[in-house]
Each structure stands twice: as structure tokens, then as C-alpha cells.
N, C-alpha and C. Protein backbone atom coordinates (compact mmCIF):
# COMPACT_ATOMS: atom_id res chain seq x y z
N MET A 1 0.83 -1.29 0.16
CA MET A 1 -0.03 0.23 0.04
C MET A 1 0.90 1.11 0.13
N VAL A 2 0.85 2.03 -0.94
CA VAL A 2 1.58 3.13 -1.02
C VAL A 2 0.49 4.53 -0.75
N ALA A 3 1.11 5.33 0.02
CA ALA A 3 0.68 6.51 0.24
C ALA A 3 0.74 7.75 -0.92
N VAL A 4 0.00 8.41 -1.17
CA VAL A 4 0.09 9.51 -2.23
C VAL A 4 1.17 10.47 -1.70
N ALA A 5 2.10 10.86 -2.35
CA ALA A 5 3.20 11.39 -1.69
C ALA A 5 3.14 12.97 -1.56
N GLU A 6 1.95 13.38 -1.50
CA GLU A 6 1.54 15.07 -1.49
C GLU A 6 1.29 15.37 0.13
N ASN A 7 1.46 16.40 0.40
CA ASN A 7 1.23 16.95 1.88
C ASN A 7 -0.08 17.85 1.63
N LEU A 8 -1.30 16.96 2.03
CA LEU A 8 -2.56 17.64 1.66
C LEU A 8 -3.14 18.30 2.89
N THR A 9 -3.90 19.29 2.90
CA THR A 9 -4.73 19.35 3.86
C THR A 9 -6.15 18.61 3.92
N LEU A 10 -6.92 18.69 5.06
CA LEU A 10 -8.10 17.94 5.37
C LEU A 10 -8.85 18.28 3.92
N PRO A 11 -9.18 19.80 3.76
CA PRO A 11 -10.30 19.72 2.60
C PRO A 11 -9.51 19.61 1.12
N GLU A 12 -8.26 19.73 0.99
CA GLU A 12 -7.63 19.07 -0.11
C GLU A 12 -8.04 17.58 -0.40
N PHE A 13 -7.87 17.13 0.76
CA PHE A 13 -8.09 15.49 0.70
C PHE A 13 -9.41 15.08 0.49
N GLN A 14 -10.26 15.80 1.25
CA GLN A 14 -11.74 15.54 0.75
C GLN A 14 -12.16 15.83 -0.34
N THR A 15 -11.33 16.70 -1.28
CA THR A 15 -12.08 16.94 -2.58
C THR A 15 -11.34 16.01 -3.64
N LYS A 16 -10.41 15.77 -3.39
CA LYS A 16 -9.37 14.70 -4.13
C LYS A 16 -9.70 13.28 -3.94
N TYR A 17 -10.15 12.95 -2.71
CA TYR A 17 -10.18 11.37 -2.50
C TYR A 17 -11.46 11.21 -1.63
N GLY A 18 -12.42 12.33 -1.49
CA GLY A 18 -13.49 12.03 -0.65
C GLY A 18 -14.67 11.11 -1.35
N LYS A 19 -14.57 11.11 -2.83
CA LYS A 19 -15.57 10.43 -3.60
C LYS A 19 -14.86 9.42 -4.42
N GLY A 20 -15.10 8.31 -4.74
CA GLY A 20 -14.48 7.38 -6.11
C GLY A 20 -15.04 6.04 -5.87
N ASP A 21 -14.20 5.12 -6.42
CA ASP A 21 -14.30 3.69 -6.43
C ASP A 21 -13.32 3.05 -5.08
N ARG A 22 -12.46 3.76 -4.96
CA ARG A 22 -11.62 3.18 -3.61
C ARG A 22 -11.73 3.92 -2.53
N SER A 23 -11.54 3.51 -1.34
CA SER A 23 -11.56 4.15 -0.15
C SER A 23 -10.27 4.93 0.30
N TYR A 24 -10.07 6.16 0.79
CA TYR A 24 -8.77 6.32 1.31
C TYR A 24 -8.88 6.99 2.94
N GLU A 25 -7.81 6.93 3.42
CA GLU A 25 -7.80 7.18 4.91
C GLU A 25 -7.01 8.58 4.81
N TYR A 26 -7.27 9.75 5.32
CA TYR A 26 -6.37 10.93 5.65
C TYR A 26 -5.74 10.74 6.85
N TRP A 27 -4.56 10.64 6.48
CA TRP A 27 -3.26 10.20 7.85
C TRP A 27 -2.02 11.29 7.45
N TYR A 28 -2.03 12.17 8.33
CA TYR A 28 -1.16 13.19 8.75
C TYR A 28 -0.88 13.68 7.22
N GLY A 29 -1.69 14.24 6.48
CA GLY A 29 -1.36 14.92 5.35
C GLY A 29 -1.31 14.07 4.09
N ARG A 30 -1.61 12.85 4.42
CA ARG A 30 -1.11 11.64 3.21
C ARG A 30 -2.50 11.27 2.87
N ALA A 31 -2.63 10.85 1.58
CA ALA A 31 -3.91 9.91 1.06
C ALA A 31 -3.26 8.58 1.06
N ILE A 32 -3.80 7.64 2.13
CA ILE A 32 -3.62 6.40 2.51
C ILE A 32 -4.77 5.77 1.59
N PRO A 33 -4.59 4.89 0.82
CA PRO A 33 -5.48 3.69 0.29
C PRO A 33 -5.78 2.79 1.07
N LYS A 34 -7.05 2.45 1.22
CA LYS A 34 -7.68 1.45 2.15
C LYS A 34 -7.02 0.12 1.40
N GLY A 35 -6.72 -0.87 1.96
CA GLY A 35 -6.47 -2.19 1.56
C GLY A 35 -7.75 -2.80 1.01
N MET A 36 -7.47 -3.35 -0.44
CA MET A 36 -8.62 -3.85 -1.06
C MET A 36 -9.16 -5.01 -0.44
N PRO A 37 -10.21 -5.11 0.11
CA PRO A 37 -10.84 -6.11 0.75
C PRO A 37 -11.38 -7.24 -0.19
N THR A 38 -11.12 -8.48 0.69
CA THR A 38 -11.29 -9.99 -0.16
C THR A 38 -12.62 -10.27 0.60
N TRP A 39 -13.14 -11.24 -0.07
CA TRP A 39 -14.17 -12.06 0.53
C TRP A 39 -14.02 -12.35 2.01
N ILE A 40 -12.69 -12.91 2.32
CA ILE A 40 -12.57 -13.34 3.67
C ILE A 40 -12.48 -12.04 4.42
N HIS A 41 -11.82 -11.06 4.15
CA HIS A 41 -11.78 -9.70 4.56
C HIS A 41 -13.53 -9.36 5.28
N GLY A 42 -14.15 -9.42 4.27
CA GLY A 42 -15.48 -9.00 4.42
C GLY A 42 -16.26 -9.68 5.53
N ILE A 43 -16.28 -11.05 5.17
CA ILE A 43 -16.71 -12.22 6.21
C ILE A 43 -16.18 -11.83 7.60
N LEU A 44 -15.10 -11.87 7.62
CA LEU A 44 -14.15 -11.45 8.94
C LEU A 44 -14.75 -10.36 9.43
N GLN A 45 -14.91 -9.22 8.95
CA GLN A 45 -15.52 -7.94 9.60
C GLN A 45 -17.01 -8.48 10.43
N ARG A 46 -17.83 -8.87 9.28
CA ARG A 46 -19.09 -9.28 9.77
C ARG A 46 -19.06 -10.28 11.22
N ILE A 47 -18.28 -11.03 10.91
CA ILE A 47 -18.00 -12.18 12.22
C ILE A 47 -17.72 -11.31 13.07
N VAL A 48 -16.59 -10.76 13.06
CA VAL A 48 -16.06 -9.82 14.49
C VAL A 48 -17.05 -8.91 14.98
N MET A 49 -17.74 -8.41 14.09
CA MET A 49 -18.92 -7.28 14.72
C MET A 49 -20.14 -8.34 15.21
N GLU A 50 -20.31 -9.47 14.99
CA GLU A 50 -21.41 -10.18 15.37
C GLU A 50 -20.99 -10.65 16.90
N LEU A 51 -19.76 -11.37 16.83
CA LEU A 51 -19.04 -11.71 18.11
C LEU A 51 -19.19 -10.47 19.11
N LEU A 52 -18.57 -9.54 18.78
CA LEU A 52 -18.66 -8.37 19.68
C LEU A 52 -20.05 -8.05 20.30
N THR A 53 -20.92 -7.95 18.99
CA THR A 53 -22.29 -7.68 19.57
C THR A 53 -23.03 -8.66 20.47
N GLU A 54 -22.59 -9.99 20.43
CA GLU A 54 -23.04 -10.84 21.44
C GLU A 54 -22.47 -10.83 22.52
N ALA A 55 -21.01 -10.10 22.67
CA ALA A 55 -20.55 -9.81 23.94
C ALA A 55 -20.85 -8.64 24.65
N GLY A 56 -21.74 -7.87 24.04
CA GLY A 56 -22.20 -6.62 24.72
C GLY A 56 -21.99 -5.59 24.33
N TYR A 57 -21.26 -5.42 23.02
CA TYR A 57 -20.62 -4.18 22.35
C TYR A 57 -21.82 -3.65 21.40
N ILE A 58 -21.88 -2.34 20.88
CA ILE A 58 -22.41 -2.00 19.84
C ILE A 58 -21.22 -1.57 18.88
N ALA A 59 -21.30 -2.44 17.89
CA ALA A 59 -20.11 -2.45 16.75
C ALA A 59 -20.39 -2.03 15.38
N GLY A 60 -19.87 -1.15 14.81
CA GLY A 60 -19.88 -0.61 13.38
C GLY A 60 -18.52 -0.99 12.58
N SER A 61 -18.90 -0.79 11.33
CA SER A 61 -17.66 -1.02 10.48
C SER A 61 -17.53 0.23 9.50
N GLU A 62 -16.09 0.68 9.23
CA GLU A 62 -15.53 1.58 8.27
C GLU A 62 -15.92 2.77 8.89
N VAL A 63 -16.07 3.16 10.21
CA VAL A 63 -16.47 4.35 10.71
C VAL A 63 -15.34 5.13 10.69
N GLU A 64 -15.40 6.35 10.26
CA GLU A 64 -14.18 7.24 10.13
C GLU A 64 -14.22 7.94 11.57
N LEU A 65 -13.03 8.04 12.05
CA LEU A 65 -12.41 8.45 13.32
C LEU A 65 -12.17 9.78 12.93
N ARG A 66 -12.59 10.73 14.07
CA ARG A 66 -12.15 12.13 13.88
C ARG A 66 -11.83 12.88 15.16
N ILE A 67 -10.91 12.05 15.63
CA ILE A 67 -10.31 12.07 16.98
C ILE A 67 -9.26 13.40 17.08
N VAL A 68 -8.58 13.19 15.84
CA VAL A 68 -7.37 14.41 15.65
C VAL A 68 -7.66 14.78 14.48
N PRO A 69 -7.25 16.14 14.32
CA PRO A 69 -7.69 16.91 12.98
C PRO A 69 -6.93 16.54 11.91
N ASP A 70 -5.70 16.00 12.17
CA ASP A 70 -4.97 15.34 10.90
C ASP A 70 -4.71 14.05 10.66
N ALA A 71 -5.55 13.29 11.15
CA ALA A 71 -5.69 11.84 10.97
C ALA A 71 -7.14 11.42 11.06
N HIS A 72 -7.89 11.12 10.16
CA HIS A 72 -9.16 10.21 10.02
C HIS A 72 -9.39 9.04 9.28
N PRO A 73 -8.56 7.80 10.22
CA PRO A 73 -8.59 6.94 9.91
C PRO A 73 -10.00 5.98 9.68
N LYS A 74 -10.12 4.58 8.89
CA LYS A 74 -11.44 4.37 9.03
C LYS A 74 -11.28 2.58 9.24
N PRO A 75 -11.14 2.36 10.68
CA PRO A 75 -10.83 0.95 11.14
C PRO A 75 -11.97 0.17 10.42
N ASP A 76 -11.45 -1.12 10.33
CA ASP A 76 -12.41 -2.03 9.92
C ASP A 76 -13.48 -2.34 10.61
N VAL A 77 -13.12 -2.44 12.11
CA VAL A 77 -14.39 -2.53 13.22
C VAL A 77 -14.15 -1.56 14.32
N ILE A 78 -14.98 -1.10 14.91
CA ILE A 78 -14.89 -0.27 16.26
C ILE A 78 -16.08 -0.78 17.01
N ALA A 79 -15.97 -0.80 18.40
CA ALA A 79 -16.91 -1.34 19.47
C ALA A 79 -16.89 -0.34 20.66
N THR A 80 -18.17 -0.33 21.12
CA THR A 80 -18.28 0.33 22.34
C THR A 80 -19.33 -0.16 23.31
N LYS A 81 -19.22 -0.24 24.73
CA LYS A 81 -20.21 -0.54 25.74
C LYS A 81 -20.90 0.81 25.82
N GLY A 82 -20.62 1.91 25.43
CA GLY A 82 -21.04 3.22 25.97
C GLY A 82 -22.04 3.70 24.83
N GLU A 83 -21.81 4.96 24.64
CA GLU A 83 -23.02 5.78 23.81
C GLU A 83 -22.33 5.91 22.57
N VAL A 84 -23.06 5.79 21.47
CA VAL A 84 -22.48 6.00 20.08
C VAL A 84 -22.30 7.27 19.72
N GLU A 85 -21.21 7.88 19.66
CA GLU A 85 -21.14 9.40 19.25
C GLU A 85 -21.58 9.46 17.60
N ASP A 86 -22.44 10.28 17.21
CA ASP A 86 -23.02 10.49 16.01
C ASP A 86 -22.61 11.73 15.55
N PRO A 87 -22.12 12.21 14.35
CA PRO A 87 -22.04 10.79 13.29
C PRO A 87 -20.61 10.23 13.17
N TYR A 88 -19.59 10.88 14.05
CA TYR A 88 -18.19 10.35 13.98
C TYR A 88 -17.75 10.34 15.27
N PRO A 89 -17.00 9.26 15.89
CA PRO A 89 -16.22 9.52 17.10
C PRO A 89 -15.37 10.08 16.98
N THR A 90 -15.10 11.23 18.21
CA THR A 90 -14.26 12.39 18.47
C THR A 90 -13.34 11.71 19.58
N GLN A 91 -13.83 10.60 20.34
CA GLN A 91 -13.01 10.14 21.56
C GLN A 91 -12.81 8.67 21.02
N ALA A 92 -11.87 7.99 21.71
CA ALA A 92 -11.63 6.65 21.43
C ALA A 92 -12.79 6.08 22.10
N VAL A 93 -13.12 4.59 21.59
CA VAL A 93 -14.04 3.86 22.09
C VAL A 93 -13.50 2.60 22.41
N ASP A 94 -14.16 1.64 23.31
CA ASP A 94 -13.46 0.32 23.79
C ASP A 94 -12.86 -0.48 22.96
N VAL A 95 -13.00 -0.77 21.90
CA VAL A 95 -12.40 -1.62 21.03
C VAL A 95 -12.14 -0.98 19.30
N VAL A 96 -10.78 -1.29 19.01
CA VAL A 96 -10.65 -1.09 17.38
C VAL A 96 -9.98 -2.37 16.87
N VAL A 97 -10.38 -2.83 15.69
CA VAL A 97 -9.98 -4.04 14.88
C VAL A 97 -9.71 -3.65 13.61
N GLU A 98 -8.40 -3.86 13.29
CA GLU A 98 -8.08 -3.55 11.99
C GLU A 98 -7.78 -5.45 11.27
N ILE A 99 -8.27 -5.57 10.18
CA ILE A 99 -8.27 -6.86 9.33
C ILE A 99 -7.42 -6.74 8.23
N LEU A 100 -6.09 -7.44 8.45
CA LEU A 100 -5.35 -7.35 7.26
C LEU A 100 -5.90 -7.90 5.90
N SER A 101 -5.58 -6.89 4.76
CA SER A 101 -6.06 -7.28 3.63
C SER A 101 -4.59 -7.50 2.82
N PRO A 102 -4.43 -8.51 1.58
CA PRO A 102 -3.49 -8.69 1.03
C PRO A 102 -2.33 -7.58 0.77
N ASP A 103 -2.91 -6.24 0.40
CA ASP A 103 -1.97 -5.20 0.26
C ASP A 103 -1.79 -4.32 1.21
N ASP A 104 -2.16 -4.67 2.58
CA ASP A 104 -1.70 -4.10 3.65
C ASP A 104 -0.27 -4.29 4.12
N THR A 105 0.31 -3.33 4.71
CA THR A 105 1.84 -3.48 5.34
C THR A 105 1.73 -3.54 6.68
N MET A 106 2.71 -4.52 7.24
CA MET A 106 2.53 -4.49 8.86
C MET A 106 3.03 -3.19 9.35
N PRO A 107 4.23 -2.59 8.85
CA PRO A 107 4.67 -1.31 9.42
C PRO A 107 3.48 -0.23 9.27
N PHE A 108 2.90 -0.06 8.36
CA PHE A 108 1.74 0.87 8.65
C PHE A 108 0.60 0.34 9.28
N MET A 109 0.44 -0.77 9.88
CA MET A 109 -0.39 -1.24 10.85
C MET A 109 0.08 -1.23 12.01
N VAL A 110 1.38 -1.06 12.53
CA VAL A 110 1.53 -0.99 13.51
C VAL A 110 1.96 0.56 13.83
N GLU A 111 2.22 1.36 12.67
CA GLU A 111 1.92 3.01 12.97
C GLU A 111 0.37 2.98 13.58
N LYS A 112 -0.56 2.62 12.70
CA LYS A 112 -1.94 2.90 13.03
C LYS A 112 -2.20 2.38 14.50
N CYS A 113 -1.66 1.39 15.15
CA CYS A 113 -1.81 1.08 16.35
C CYS A 113 -1.29 1.88 17.47
N ARG A 114 -0.12 2.24 16.99
CA ARG A 114 0.53 3.41 17.99
C ARG A 114 -0.31 4.59 18.00
N ALA A 115 -0.90 5.16 16.99
CA ALA A 115 -1.68 6.12 16.94
C ALA A 115 -3.04 5.86 17.85
N TYR A 116 -3.75 4.62 17.55
CA TYR A 116 -5.05 4.40 18.41
C TYR A 116 -4.52 4.14 19.70
N HIS A 117 -3.48 3.72 20.28
CA HIS A 117 -3.17 3.98 21.46
C HIS A 117 -2.77 5.19 22.00
N ALA A 118 -2.29 6.05 21.50
CA ALA A 118 -1.91 7.34 21.87
C ALA A 118 -3.18 8.20 21.91
N TRP A 119 -4.19 7.77 20.91
CA TRP A 119 -5.59 8.54 21.22
C TRP A 119 -6.53 8.00 22.28
N GLY A 120 -5.87 6.99 23.06
CA GLY A 120 -6.56 6.39 24.21
C GLY A 120 -7.59 5.13 23.92
N PHE A 121 -7.40 4.22 22.79
CA PHE A 121 -8.32 3.20 22.83
C PHE A 121 -7.67 2.12 23.66
N PRO A 122 -8.54 1.63 24.51
CA PRO A 122 -7.91 0.61 25.51
C PRO A 122 -7.63 -0.85 24.86
N ARG A 123 -8.33 -1.17 23.81
CA ARG A 123 -8.26 -2.54 23.26
C ARG A 123 -8.12 -2.59 21.63
N ILE A 124 -7.01 -2.72 21.26
CA ILE A 124 -6.37 -2.78 19.70
C ILE A 124 -6.18 -4.25 19.37
N TYR A 125 -6.69 -4.50 18.12
CA TYR A 125 -6.59 -5.74 17.78
C TYR A 125 -6.21 -5.79 15.95
N VAL A 126 -5.50 -6.42 15.70
CA VAL A 126 -5.33 -6.66 14.22
C VAL A 126 -5.35 -8.33 14.03
N VAL A 127 -6.35 -8.76 12.96
CA VAL A 127 -6.52 -9.99 12.77
C VAL A 127 -5.94 -10.21 11.44
N ASP A 128 -5.18 -11.40 11.33
CA ASP A 128 -4.35 -11.57 10.08
C ASP A 128 -5.06 -12.87 9.56
N PRO A 129 -6.02 -12.78 8.24
CA PRO A 129 -6.90 -13.98 7.93
C PRO A 129 -5.71 -15.04 7.34
N ALA A 130 -4.55 -14.66 6.70
CA ALA A 130 -3.55 -15.46 5.86
C ALA A 130 -3.02 -16.39 6.97
N SER A 131 -2.53 -15.94 8.07
CA SER A 131 -2.00 -16.90 9.19
C SER A 131 -2.99 -17.37 10.16
N ARG A 132 -4.25 -16.92 10.32
CA ARG A 132 -5.16 -17.05 11.21
C ARG A 132 -4.35 -16.91 12.46
N LEU A 133 -4.07 -15.62 12.75
CA LEU A 133 -3.70 -15.12 14.06
C LEU A 133 -4.25 -14.06 14.31
N LEU A 134 -4.56 -13.84 15.56
CA LEU A 134 -5.30 -12.54 16.24
C LEU A 134 -4.01 -11.94 17.21
N PHE A 135 -3.72 -10.47 16.80
CA PHE A 135 -3.01 -9.98 17.62
C PHE A 135 -3.42 -8.52 18.28
N GLN A 136 -2.76 -8.67 19.63
CA GLN A 136 -3.22 -7.34 20.40
C GLN A 136 -2.11 -6.41 20.55
N TRP A 137 -2.49 -5.13 20.78
CA TRP A 137 -1.17 -3.88 20.83
C TRP A 137 -1.23 -3.91 22.36
N THR A 138 0.26 -4.15 22.84
CA THR A 138 0.33 -4.03 24.15
C THR A 138 0.86 -2.72 24.67
N GLY A 139 0.94 -1.77 23.89
CA GLY A 139 1.16 -0.65 24.37
C GLY A 139 2.75 -0.08 23.54
N SER A 140 3.39 -1.13 22.97
CA SER A 140 4.74 -0.92 22.42
C SER A 140 4.82 -2.03 21.15
N ALA A 141 4.02 -2.93 21.02
CA ALA A 141 4.07 -4.16 19.97
C ALA A 141 2.70 -4.85 19.92
N LEU A 142 2.81 -5.61 18.95
CA LEU A 142 1.73 -6.54 18.69
C LEU A 142 2.27 -7.93 19.02
N GLU A 143 1.27 -8.28 19.90
CA GLU A 143 1.77 -9.66 20.37
C GLU A 143 0.24 -10.66 19.87
N VAL A 144 0.83 -11.96 19.65
CA VAL A 144 -0.32 -13.07 19.42
C VAL A 144 -1.30 -13.16 20.74
N THR A 145 -2.37 -13.14 20.68
CA THR A 145 -3.26 -13.28 21.79
C THR A 145 -4.41 -14.38 21.24
N ASN A 146 -5.00 -14.97 22.22
CA ASN A 146 -6.15 -15.89 22.19
C ASN A 146 -7.45 -15.41 22.12
N THR A 147 -7.38 -14.23 22.60
CA THR A 147 -8.80 -13.64 23.07
C THR A 147 -9.00 -12.05 22.32
N LEU A 148 -9.97 -11.82 21.84
CA LEU A 148 -10.48 -10.55 21.58
C LEU A 148 -11.50 -10.10 22.20
N THR A 149 -11.14 -9.34 23.47
CA THR A 149 -12.20 -8.98 24.53
C THR A 149 -12.00 -10.29 25.31
N THR A 150 -13.31 -10.75 25.59
CA THR A 150 -13.61 -12.00 26.04
C THR A 150 -14.06 -13.22 25.23
N ILE A 151 -13.44 -12.93 23.52
CA ILE A 151 -13.89 -13.60 22.69
C ILE A 151 -12.81 -14.72 22.29
N GLN A 152 -12.97 -15.98 22.15
CA GLN A 152 -11.97 -16.78 21.89
C GLN A 152 -11.67 -16.58 20.29
N ALA A 153 -10.31 -16.58 20.21
CA ALA A 153 -9.73 -16.22 18.63
C ALA A 153 -10.52 -17.45 17.90
N ALA A 154 -10.33 -18.63 18.50
CA ALA A 154 -10.68 -19.86 17.81
C ALA A 154 -12.06 -19.57 17.27
N LYS A 155 -13.17 -19.07 18.13
CA LYS A 155 -14.41 -18.85 17.68
C LYS A 155 -14.39 -17.98 16.47
N ILE A 156 -13.71 -17.15 16.24
CA ILE A 156 -13.72 -16.33 14.80
C ILE A 156 -13.45 -17.20 13.78
N TRP A 157 -12.45 -18.32 13.99
CA TRP A 157 -11.81 -19.02 12.88
C TRP A 157 -13.04 -20.15 12.58
N GLU A 158 -13.57 -20.40 13.63
CA GLU A 158 -14.85 -21.59 13.37
C GLU A 158 -15.66 -20.97 12.74
N ARG A 159 -16.27 -19.75 13.00
CA ARG A 159 -17.51 -19.17 12.30
C ARG A 159 -17.03 -18.99 10.83
N LEU A 160 -15.61 -18.61 10.64
CA LEU A 160 -15.20 -18.15 9.15
C LEU A 160 -15.60 -19.56 8.38
N ASP A 161 -14.88 -20.76 8.90
CA ASP A 161 -15.31 -22.17 8.53
C ASP A 161 -16.39 -22.47 8.43
N LEU A 162 -17.60 -22.18 9.35
CA LEU A 162 -18.92 -22.27 8.83
C LEU A 162 -19.42 -21.65 7.91
N THR A 163 -19.08 -20.26 7.84
CA THR A 163 -19.52 -19.47 6.70
C THR A 163 -19.26 -19.87 5.46
N ARG A 164 -18.01 -20.36 5.28
CA ARG A 164 -17.53 -20.76 4.05
C ARG A 164 -17.82 -22.07 3.68
N ARG A 165 -18.49 -22.85 4.69
CA ARG A 165 -18.94 -24.10 4.07
C ARG A 165 -20.36 -24.21 3.77
N GLN A 166 -21.04 -22.89 4.12
CA GLN A 166 -22.80 -22.90 3.94
C GLN A 166 -23.07 -23.09 2.55
N PRO A 167 -23.70 -24.06 1.93
CA PRO A 167 -24.13 -24.23 0.69
C PRO A 167 -24.95 -23.06 0.12
N GLN A 168 -24.91 -22.76 -1.11
CA GLN A 168 -25.38 -21.54 -1.93
C GLN A 168 -26.65 -22.43 -2.20
N THR A 169 -27.92 -21.21 -2.31
CA THR A 169 -28.98 -21.67 -2.76
C THR A 169 -29.50 -21.13 -3.92
């Protein structure tokens, strides 16, 4: 994933990249293309949202964060047990989840995790469909974990396998 190499103001970003076939994130003056989601990515977004909802959270996908003025990422999933701030969160919520797409880079994912941590997100996760690993941000690094909040990682992969085996009608 390559950032557009210009230093943009937010209004310039919104004019150039706000509409179109591909989604971009505003990241400290750069236009960063969102990873091109695959079927698995989309299914995992839904599964993670369902599991978080079952665990008592309100979950949403691709919600733009407006916590700082010079970065407006759109995490794959966010969730809260509190009130939903409408139209965009301006404060950290309980959970943020990024799901790796084939064209995502781990260095940028680490950069995002550092930012989420600095902005006050208490639970930061990265799901890697290729390796079937779940990572949690520890404050300084991503570490493999077996749980997403109280949800067993194995449950994510079980639901993914069940979804992929469902017969088409």
C-alpha cells in the first residue's frame, strides 16, 4: 500500500479522495488507500461485529474516526459498550480492530496501532486471515493473543469455516 506523496490539507484530501471507487484514509497529510478487501476480509468484518455484539458491544464497520484533526482513519471494526457518538467518534471507543488485506503492510499497521494507543483506545487488535492469527497491541508491540476482549480467537476461525461451508441456494 503506497501513500500518495503529497502533503494535503483535510479540505484538499476531501476534494481529491472523498468520492470514488476506492476508499482512502486521511493520515497526517497523506492519502492512504484502504487495503482492497477480499471476500474473507468482508466475512471476517461481519463475524467480528457479530461476536462483539454478542459480547455486549455496539459494533460498526468502516466508521471514520475524527479524534485528531490531521488523521481520519476508517478502522475495519470499532465497538463500544457506551453511547455511540454520532456522526463520527471524536474520542476513543472500547475496541478497534483492523483486518489485514493482502496489500496492507505491517509497518503501517503498527503505525496505526501506535496512533490508536496514543488516542486512548484501550483494546487494539489486528486480525491476520492469512496466518489465522489474532494480535493485540500491548502499548509497544503487537503480540499474538487468544482472545479479542472476552471472545476466543478460535471462535472467529470456527465461524469463518462455517460461513465458507454454507451451501449456496
